[in-house]
Amino acid sequence: MSQPMPRIAPLDPPYPPEIQAQFDRIMRGAPPLLLFRVMAGCARAWDKFRAGGLLDPGPLSLRQREIVIDRTCALNQCEYEWGVHVAIFAGPAKLTEDELRATVFGDATSPCWSVAEQALIAAVDALHHRAMLSDAEFAALSAHYDEAQILEIMLLCGFYRTVSYLANGLRLPLEESAARFPAPL
């Protein structure tokens, strides 16, 4: 059975040289993700999308960054992007199966999280549900993260909500090599 096509057709190879060079830089030798192939079909959207990316070394650790991304994607029911990130980054970020499950089915009180990670999850949840942090949530976050990290957390939540909109709205079929949401217990 073949995979359904996304609502907007992706670019097919051979790609224009500039696009191929961008894919090579981003994917480091792996084939480009379907999301990237769809976005690259519209120059303005592709340029803006790439400019908003936050996967470069920033003020958060890889683990912290991936917790924010995985939780944001899970809250948005975006199995596509959650699965891509889990497949690529869960190992290097040292995220356990219990922690990955908690990004989908848990919350800030899940016993797998450290106190700092509980504050991180609570902030992601608050931003997702209310688009704001209460004074108590901000104080809890500030107890563990500096201002640059807090801004990065907010930016990641917003960017990956947008990525979730794209992947879900385009009905992107899941990448073959990506992880799948865990089954409920």
C-alpha atoms as a PDB file:
ATOM      1  CA  MET A   1       0.000   0.000   0.000  1.00  0.00           C
ATOM      2  CA  SER A   2       1.477   3.359  -0.979  1.00  0.00           C
ATOM      3  CA  GLN A   3       1.641   6.331   1.342  1.00  0.00           C
ATOM      4  CA  PRO A   4      -0.930   9.091   0.775  1.00  0.00           C
ATOM      5  CA  MET A   5       0.437  12.263  -0.749  1.00  0.00           C
ATOM      6  CA  PRO A   6       0.509  15.527   1.182  1.00  0.00           C
ATOM      7  CA  ARG A   7      -2.003  18.189   0.224  1.00  0.00           C
ATOM      8  CA  ILE A   8       0.728  20.234  -1.490  1.00  0.00           C
ATOM      9  CA  ALA A   9       3.030  18.295  -3.787  1.00  0.00           C
ATOM     10  CA  PRO A  10       6.667  18.042  -2.698  1.00  0.00           C
ATOM     11  CA  LEU A  11       9.594  18.755  -4.973  1.00  0.00           C
ATOM     12  CA  ASP A  12      10.911  15.688  -6.717  1.00  0.00           C
ATOM     13  CA  PRO A  13      14.578  15.092  -7.530  1.00  0.00           C
ATOM     14  CA  PRO A  14      16.639  16.242  -9.212  1.00  0.00           C
ATOM     15  CA  TYR A  15      16.421  19.393  -7.120  1.00  0.00           C
ATOM     16  CA  PRO A  16      17.681  22.774  -8.272  1.00  0.00           C
ATOM     17  CA  PRO A  17      21.362  23.091  -7.243  1.00  0.00           C
ATOM     18  CA  GLU A  18      20.690  25.753  -4.579  1.00  0.00           C
ATOM     19  CA  ILE A  19      17.918  23.636  -3.017  1.00  0.00           C
ATOM     20  CA  GLN A  20      20.080  20.499  -3.185  1.00  0.00           C
ATOM     21  CA  ALA A  21      22.886  22.353  -1.402  1.00  0.00           C
ATOM     22  CA  GLN A  22      20.443  23.468   1.316  1.00  0.00           C
ATOM     23  CA  PHE A  23      19.101  19.929   1.731  1.00  0.00           C
ATOM     24  CA  ASP A  24      22.669  18.604   1.949  1.00  0.00           C
ATOM     25  CA  ARG A  25      23.541  21.121   4.689  1.00  0.00           C
ATOM     26  CA  ILE A  26      20.407  20.398   6.701  1.00  0.00           C
ATOM     27  CA  MET A  27      20.203  16.637   6.216  1.00  0.00           C
ATOM     28  CA  ARG A  28      23.948  15.838   6.310  1.00  0.00           C
ATOM     29  CA  GLY A  29      23.739  13.176   3.620  1.00  0.00           C
ATOM     30  CA  ALA A  30      20.282  11.763   4.432  1.00  0.00           C
ATOM     31  CA  PRO A  31      17.422  12.211   1.966  1.00  0.00           C
ATOM     32  CA  PRO A  32      15.418  15.399   2.597  1.00  0.00           C
ATOM     33  CA  LEU A  33      12.343  15.102   4.779  1.00  0.00           C
ATOM     34  CA  LEU A  34       8.996  15.335   3.026  1.00  0.00           C
ATOM     35  CA  LEU A  35       8.211  18.503   4.995  1.00  0.00           C
ATOM     36  CA  PHE A  36      11.344  20.141   3.604  1.00  0.00           C
ATOM     37  CA  ARG A  37      10.510  19.030   0.066  1.00  0.00           C
ATOM     38  CA  VAL A  38       7.032  20.568   0.346  1.00  0.00           C
ATOM     39  CA  MET A  39       8.296  23.806   1.873  1.00  0.00           C
ATOM     40  CA  ALA A  40      11.117  24.161  -0.691  1.00  0.00           C
ATOM     41  CA  GLY A  41       8.520  24.300  -3.475  1.00  0.00           C
ATOM     42  CA  CYS A  42       7.635  27.833  -2.363  1.00  0.00           C
ATOM     43  CA  ALA A  43      10.786  29.979  -2.157  1.00  0.00           C
ATOM     44  CA  ARG A  44       9.405  32.524   0.330  1.00  0.00           C
ATOM     45  CA  ALA A  45       7.957  29.885   2.667  1.00  0.00           C
ATOM     46  CA  TRP A  46      11.177  27.826   2.509  1.00  0.00           C
ATOM     47  CA  ASP A  47      13.382  30.856   3.236  1.00  0.00           C
ATOM     48  CA  LYS A  48      11.243  31.943   6.190  1.00  0.00           C
ATOM     49  CA  PHE A  49      11.010  28.384   7.515  1.00  0.00           C
ATOM     50  CA  ARG A  50      14.787  27.897   7.406  1.00  0.00           C
ATOM     51  CA  ALA A  51      15.377  31.299   9.018  1.00  0.00           C
ATOM     52  CA  GLY A  52      13.152  30.300  11.966  1.00  0.00           C
ATOM     53  CA  GLY A  53      14.916  27.030  12.719  1.00  0.00           C
ATOM     54  CA  LEU A  54      16.401  26.590  16.169  1.00  0.00           C
ATOM     55  CA  LEU A  55      18.451  23.402  15.826  1.00  0.00           C
ATOM     56  CA  ASP A  56      21.806  25.149  16.026  1.00  0.00           C
ATOM     57  CA  PRO A  57      23.682  25.049  19.337  1.00  0.00           C
ATOM     58  CA  GLY A  58      21.774  27.438  21.564  1.00  0.00           C
ATOM     59  CA  PRO A  59      21.462  28.210  25.256  1.00  0.00           C
ATOM     60  CA  LEU A  60      19.602  24.961  26.050  1.00  0.00           C
ATOM     61  CA  SER A  61      21.212  21.557  26.207  1.00  0.00           C
ATOM     62  CA  LEU A  62      20.267  19.074  23.497  1.00  0.00           C
ATOM     63  CA  ARG A  63      18.193  17.200  26.084  1.00  0.00           C
ATOM     64  CA  GLN A  64      16.317  20.314  27.199  1.00  0.00           C
ATOM     65  CA  ARG A  65      15.688  21.379  23.601  1.00  0.00           C
ATOM     66  CA  GLU A  66      14.351  17.978  22.632  1.00  0.00           C
ATOM     67  CA  ILE A  67      12.059  17.767  25.664  1.00  0.00           C
ATOM     68  CA  VAL A  68      10.516  21.093  24.609  1.00  0.00           C
ATOM     69  CA  ILE A  69      10.175  20.022  20.967  1.00  0.00           C
ATOM     70  CA  ASP A  70       8.849  16.539  21.703  1.00  0.00           C
ATOM     71  CA  ARG A  71       6.308  17.811  24.242  1.00  0.00           C
ATOM     72  CA  THR A  72       5.167  20.631  21.932  1.00  0.00           C
ATOM     73  CA  CYS A  73       4.699  18.247  19.008  1.00  0.00           C
ATOM     74  CA  ALA A  74       2.892  15.701  21.189  1.00  0.00           C
ATOM     75  CA  LEU A  75       0.509  18.344  22.563  1.00  0.00           C
ATOM     76  CA  ASN A  76      -0.257  19.332  18.966  1.00  0.00           C
ATOM     77  CA  GLN A  77      -0.799  15.667  18.030  1.00  0.00           C
ATOM     78  CA  CYS A  78       1.967  15.977  15.450  1.00  0.00           C
ATOM     79  CA  GLU A  79       3.291  12.441  15.209  1.00  0.00           C
ATOM     80  CA  TYR A  80       5.205  13.384  12.042  1.00  0.00           C
ATOM     81  CA  GLU A  81       7.577  15.866  13.705  1.00  0.00           C
ATOM     82  CA  TRP A  82       7.653  14.104  17.083  1.00  0.00           C
ATOM     83  CA  GLY A  83       8.731  10.934  15.295  1.00  0.00           C
ATOM     84  CA  VAL A  84      11.442  12.673  13.260  1.00  0.00           C
ATOM     85  CA  HIS A  85      12.920  14.257  16.376  1.00  0.00           C
ATOM     86  CA  VAL A  86      12.741  11.070  18.425  1.00  0.00           C
ATOM     87  CA  ALA A  87      14.413   9.063  15.650  1.00  0.00           C
ATOM     88  CA  ILE A  88      17.263  11.550  15.230  1.00  0.00           C
ATOM     89  CA  PHE A  89      17.779  13.134  18.641  1.00  0.00           C
ATOM     90  CA  ALA A  90      16.363  10.915  21.431  1.00  0.00           C
ATOM     91  CA  GLY A  91      19.521   8.798  21.628  1.00  0.00           C
ATOM     92  CA  PRO A  92      22.017  11.685  21.685  1.00  0.00           C
ATOM     93  CA  ALA A  93      19.733  13.563  24.128  1.00  0.00           C
ATOM     94  CA  LYS A  94      19.649  10.474  26.385  1.00  0.00           C
ATOM     95  CA  LEU A  95      15.842  10.421  26.519  1.00  0.00           C
ATOM     96  CA  THR A  96      14.524   7.129  27.878  1.00  0.00           C
ATOM     97  CA  GLU A  97      11.447   5.244  26.680  1.00  0.00           C
ATOM     98  CA  ASP A  98       9.619   6.373  29.858  1.00  0.00           C
ATOM     99  CA  GLU A  99      10.525  10.000  29.165  1.00  0.00           C
ATOM    100  CA  LEU A 100       9.466   9.770  25.524  1.00  0.00           C
ATOM    101  CA  ARG A 101       6.171   8.202  26.619  1.00  0.00           C
ATOM    102  CA  ALA A 102       5.736  11.039  29.142  1.00  0.00           C
ATOM    103  CA  THR A 103       6.101  13.641  26.384  1.00  0.00           C
ATOM    104  CA  VAL A 104       2.986  12.104  24.813  1.00  0.00           C
ATOM    105  CA  PHE A 105       0.921  10.840  27.757  1.00  0.00           C
ATOM    106  CA  GLY A 106       2.438  12.428  30.865  1.00  0.00           C
ATOM    107  CA  ASP A 107       2.716  15.891  32.318  1.00  0.00           C
ATOM    108  CA  ALA A 108       5.031  17.880  34.582  1.00  0.00           C
ATOM    109  CA  THR A 109       4.271  15.558  37.503  1.00  0.00           C
ATOM    110  CA  SER A 110       5.464  12.430  35.686  1.00  0.00           C
ATOM    111  CA  PRO A 111       8.055  10.789  37.955  1.00  0.00           C
ATOM    112  CA  CYS A 112      10.662  10.475  35.189  1.00  0.00           C
ATOM    113  CA  TRP A 113      11.399  14.226  35.137  1.00  0.00           C
ATOM    114  CA  SER A 114      13.917  16.079  37.285  1.00  0.00           C
ATOM    115  CA  VAL A 115      12.680  19.188  39.111  1.00  0.00           C
ATOM    116  CA  ALA A 116      14.165  21.421  36.393  1.00  0.00           C
ATOM    117  CA  GLU A 117      12.534  19.305  33.686  1.00  0.00           C
ATOM    118  CA  GLN A 118       9.196  19.470  35.534  1.00  0.00           C
ATOM    119  CA  ALA A 119       9.383  23.262  35.295  1.00  0.00           C
ATOM    120  CA  LEU A 120      10.224  22.929  31.597  1.00  0.00           C
ATOM    121  CA  ILE A 121       7.256  20.628  30.888  1.00  0.00           C
ATOM    122  CA  ALA A 122       4.919  22.844  32.925  1.00  0.00           C
ATOM    123  CA  ALA A 123       6.021  25.870  30.888  1.00  0.00           C
ATOM    124  CA  VAL A 124       5.505  24.069  27.570  1.00  0.00           C
ATOM    125  CA  ASP A 125       2.045  22.968  28.709  1.00  0.00           C
ATOM    126  CA  ALA A 126       1.115  26.483  29.869  1.00  0.00           C
ATOM    127  CA  LEU A 127       2.282  28.069  26.623  1.00  0.00           C
ATOM    128  CA  HIS A 128       0.376  25.470  24.618  1.00  0.00           C
ATOM    129  CA  HIS A 129      -2.889  25.757  26.552  1.00  0.00           C
ATOM    130  CA  ARG A 130      -2.910  29.460  27.479  1.00  0.00           C
ATOM    131  CA  ALA A 131      -0.178  31.120  25.363  1.00  0.00           C
ATOM    132  CA  MET A 132       1.240  32.599  28.571  1.00  0.00           C
ATOM    133  CA  LEU A 133       3.036  31.778  31.798  1.00  0.00           C
ATOM    134  CA  SER A 134       1.618  32.644  35.197  1.00  0.00           C
ATOM    135  CA  ASP A 135       3.913  34.383  37.671  1.00  0.00           C
ATOM    136  CA  ALA A 136       4.348  31.053  39.507  1.00  0.00           C
ATOM    137  CA  GLU A 137       5.202  29.193  36.273  1.00  0.00           C
ATOM    138  CA  PHE A 138       7.704  31.878  35.273  1.00  0.00           C
ATOM    139  CA  ALA A 139       9.277  31.812  38.733  1.00  0.00           C
ATOM    140  CA  ALA A 140       9.594  28.004  38.600  1.00  0.00           C
ATOM    141  CA  LEU A 141      11.224  28.254  35.192  1.00  0.00           C
ATOM    142  CA  SER A 142      13.519  31.080  36.353  1.00  0.00           C
ATOM    143  CA  ALA A 143      14.743  28.941  39.243  1.00  0.00           C
ATOM    144  CA  HIS A 144      16.427  26.621  36.721  1.00  0.00           C
ATOM    145  CA  TYR A 145      16.886  28.562  33.470  1.00  0.00           C
ATOM    146  CA  ASP A 146      18.391  31.949  32.655  1.00  0.00           C
ATOM    147  CA  GLU A 147      16.757  34.622  30.488  1.00  0.00           C
ATOM    148  CA  ALA A 148      18.338  33.413  27.232  1.00  0.00           C
ATOM    149  CA  GLN A 149      17.146  29.873  27.946  1.00  0.00           C
ATOM    150  CA  ILE A 150      13.624  31.045  28.778  1.00  0.00           C
ATOM    151  CA  LEU A 151      13.418  32.980  25.520  1.00  0.00           C
ATOM    152  CA  GLU A 152      14.687  29.903  23.655  1.00  0.00           C
ATOM    153  CA  ILE A 153      12.013  27.749  25.320  1.00  0.00           C
ATOM    154  CA  MET A 154       9.303  30.157  24.170  1.00  0.00           C
ATOM    155  CA  LEU A 155      10.731  30.362  20.652  1.00  0.00           C
ATOM    156  CA  LEU A 156      10.936  26.572  20.387  1.00  0.00           C
ATOM    157  CA  CYS A 157       7.333  26.187  21.540  1.00  0.00           C
ATOM    158  CA  GLY A 158       6.138  28.693  18.951  1.00  0.00           C
ATOM    159  CA  PHE A 159       8.252  27.355  16.102  1.00  0.00           C
ATOM    160  CA  TYR A 160       7.295  23.733  16.688  1.00  0.00           C
ATOM    161  CA  ARG A 161       3.635  24.661  17.013  1.00  0.00           C
ATOM    162  CA  THR A 162       4.026  26.157  13.544  1.00  0.00           C
ATOM    163  CA  VAL A 163       5.811  23.008  12.320  1.00  0.00           C
ATOM    164  CA  SER A 164       2.938  20.977  13.786  1.00  0.00           C
ATOM    165  CA  TYR A 165       0.429  23.136  11.908  1.00  0.00           C
ATOM    166  CA  LEU A 166       2.342  22.519   8.691  1.00  0.00           C
ATOM    167  CA  ALA A 167       2.771  18.763   9.095  1.00  0.00           C
ATOM    168  CA  ASN A 168      -0.800  18.205  10.320  1.00  0.00           C
ATOM    169  CA  GLY A 169      -2.448  20.701   7.961  1.00  0.00           C
ATOM    170  CA  LEU A 170      -0.636  19.242   4.942  1.00  0.00           C
ATOM    171  CA  ARG A 171      -1.454  15.700   6.135  1.00  0.00           C
ATOM    172  CA  LEU A 172       2.149  14.645   5.695  1.00  0.00           C
ATOM    173  CA  PRO A 173       2.524  10.875   5.751  1.00  0.00           C
ATOM    174  CA  LEU A 174       4.926   9.720   8.457  1.00  0.00           C
ATOM    175  CA  GLU A 175       8.563   9.359   7.472  1.00  0.00           C
ATOM    176  CA  GLU A 176       9.515   5.679   7.160  1.00  0.00           C
ATOM    177  CA  SER A 177      12.511   6.059   9.480  1.00  0.00           C
ATOM    178  CA  ALA A 178      10.671   8.130  12.087  1.00  0.00           C
ATOM    179  CA  ALA A 179       9.463   6.898  15.457  1.00  0.00           C
ATOM    180  CA  ARG A 180       5.756   6.436  16.123  1.00  0.00           C
ATOM    181  CA  PHE A 181       3.796   7.637  19.127  1.00  0.00           C
ATOM    182  CA  PRO A 182       3.848   4.976  21.844  1.00  0.00           C
ATOM    183  CA  ALA A 183       0.676   2.989  22.438  1.00  0.00           C
ATOM    184  CA  PRO A 184      -1.313   4.005  25.518  1.00  0.00           C
ATOM    185  CA  LEU A 185      -0.714   1.787  28.532  1.00  0.00           C
END
